[in-house]
Amino acid sequence: MRSTSFAKSVLTNILMGFLILILLSYVVGLGILLKSILDVVAPGEDYIALLNSFMIYFFSRGISLSVFYPTASGNRTGKFASSSDREGEDYSNAVVEIIHFSA
């Protein structure tokens, strides 16, 4: 007889393997369908420049949100989050205003 911890370990490994297969299929599917998606969304544009501009915008926005609004990204250990004058302040409205302003 095997222990219950072995059964839990096997079940966890099976579920993680299944999750890895699902995520890998998303990446492969996007890789296969990306050209046809970009043909519909942005016909006649340079695909590499378009994707690079989206990637730069996405990551720079994420970094700026984590620096200037650390509680909005879930980071409660940043230098702004630990200061006494900002303790308990709600940043959800500020994030919505930033998203609305940039759109």
Protein backbone atom coordinates (compact mmCIF):
# COMPACT_ATOMS: atom_id res chain seq x y z
CA MET A 1 0.00 0.00 0.00
CA ARG A 2 1.13 3.47 -0.83
CA SER A 3 0.72 6.44 1.45
CA THR A 4 -1.83 9.20 0.93
CA SER A 5 0.94 11.74 0.42
CA PHE A 6 2.13 9.72 -2.60
CA ALA A 7 -1.42 9.76 -4.03
CA LYS A 8 -1.64 13.52 -3.47
CA SER A 9 1.71 14.00 -5.16
CA VAL A 10 0.68 11.92 -8.19
CA LEU A 11 -2.65 13.74 -8.49
CA THR A 12 -0.92 17.12 -8.22
CA ASN A 13 1.59 16.14 -10.90
CA ILE A 14 -1.20 14.96 -13.21
CA LEU A 15 -3.14 18.21 -12.74
CA MET A 16 -0.02 20.32 -13.27
CA GLY A 17 0.83 18.36 -16.40
CA PHE A 18 -2.69 18.93 -17.71
CA LEU A 19 -2.42 22.66 -16.98
CA ILE A 20 0.95 22.80 -18.76
CA LEU A 21 -0.56 21.09 -21.81
CA ILE A 22 -3.46 23.56 -21.91
CA LEU A 23 -1.17 26.60 -21.65
CA LEU A 24 1.22 25.17 -24.22
CA SER A 25 -1.67 24.57 -26.61
CA TYR A 26 -2.68 28.25 -26.21
CA VAL A 27 0.84 29.38 -27.10
CA VAL A 28 1.07 27.03 -30.10
CA GLY A 29 -2.42 27.99 -31.27
CA LEU A 30 -1.63 31.68 -31.04
CA GLY A 31 1.61 31.10 -32.92
CA ILE A 32 -0.25 29.32 -35.72
CA LEU A 33 -3.14 31.80 -35.92
CA LEU A 34 -1.23 35.03 -35.27
CA LYS A 35 -0.62 35.89 -38.92
CA SER A 36 -4.29 35.50 -39.84
CA ILE A 37 -5.35 37.51 -36.78
CA LEU A 38 -2.97 40.34 -37.67
CA ASP A 39 -4.17 40.29 -41.29
CA VAL A 40 -7.69 41.04 -40.03
CA VAL A 41 -6.77 43.50 -37.27
CA ALA A 42 -4.03 45.52 -38.99
CA PRO A 43 -3.87 44.83 -42.72
CA GLY A 44 -0.81 46.11 -44.55
CA GLU A 45 1.25 47.02 -41.47
CA ASP A 46 4.63 45.69 -40.43
CA TYR A 47 3.81 42.86 -38.03
CA ILE A 48 7.10 42.90 -36.14
CA ALA A 49 6.89 46.64 -35.45
CA LEU A 50 3.24 46.32 -34.44
CA LEU A 51 3.88 43.48 -32.00
CA ASN A 52 6.95 45.21 -30.56
CA SER A 53 4.98 48.40 -29.95
CA PHE A 54 2.27 46.44 -28.12
CA MET A 55 4.86 44.58 -26.04
CA ILE A 56 6.71 47.79 -25.11
CA TYR A 57 3.42 49.48 -24.17
CA PHE A 58 2.23 46.46 -22.14
CA PHE A 59 5.41 46.03 -20.10
CA SER A 60 6.09 49.74 -19.57
CA ARG A 61 2.54 50.20 -18.32
CA GLY A 62 2.92 47.27 -15.94
CA ILE A 63 6.20 48.56 -14.58
CA SER A 64 4.88 52.09 -14.14
CA LEU A 65 1.78 50.83 -12.33
CA SER A 66 3.87 48.72 -9.97
CA VAL A 67 6.18 51.68 -9.21
CA PHE A 68 3.65 54.50 -8.82
CA TYR A 69 0.64 52.50 -7.58
CA PRO A 70 2.06 49.47 -5.76
CA THR A 71 -1.24 48.47 -4.14
CA ALA A 72 -2.98 48.38 -7.52
CA SER A 73 -0.70 45.59 -8.70
CA GLY A 74 -1.03 43.66 -5.44
CA ASN A 75 2.43 44.68 -4.19
CA ARG A 76 2.04 45.97 -0.66
CA THR A 77 5.74 46.12 0.12
CA GLY A 78 6.80 48.99 -2.15
CA LYS A 79 8.30 52.20 -0.79
CA PHE A 80 5.07 54.13 -1.44
CA ALA A 81 2.87 51.51 0.21
CA SER A 82 4.84 51.54 3.45
CA SER A 83 4.82 55.31 4.01
CA SER A 84 2.54 56.45 6.82
CA ASP A 85 0.78 59.16 4.81
CA ARG A 86 -0.49 56.69 2.20
CA GLU A 87 -1.46 53.88 4.52
CA GLY A 88 -4.93 52.57 3.74
CA GLU A 89 -5.38 54.76 0.66
CA ASP A 90 -7.47 53.23 -2.11
CA TYR A 91 -5.79 53.35 -5.55
CA SER A 92 -8.53 51.62 -7.53
CA ASN A 93 -10.03 54.89 -8.79
CA ALA A 94 -6.60 56.21 -9.84
CA VAL A 95 -5.94 53.09 -11.91
CA VAL A 96 -9.30 53.47 -13.64
CA GLU A 97 -8.50 57.12 -14.40
CA ILE A 98 -5.10 56.17 -15.87
CA ILE A 99 -6.69 53.49 -18.07
CA HIS A 100 -9.40 55.93 -19.19
CA PHE A 101 -6.85 58.68 -19.89
CA SER A 102 -4.60 56.47 -22.01
CA ALA A 103 -7.43 54.95 -24.08
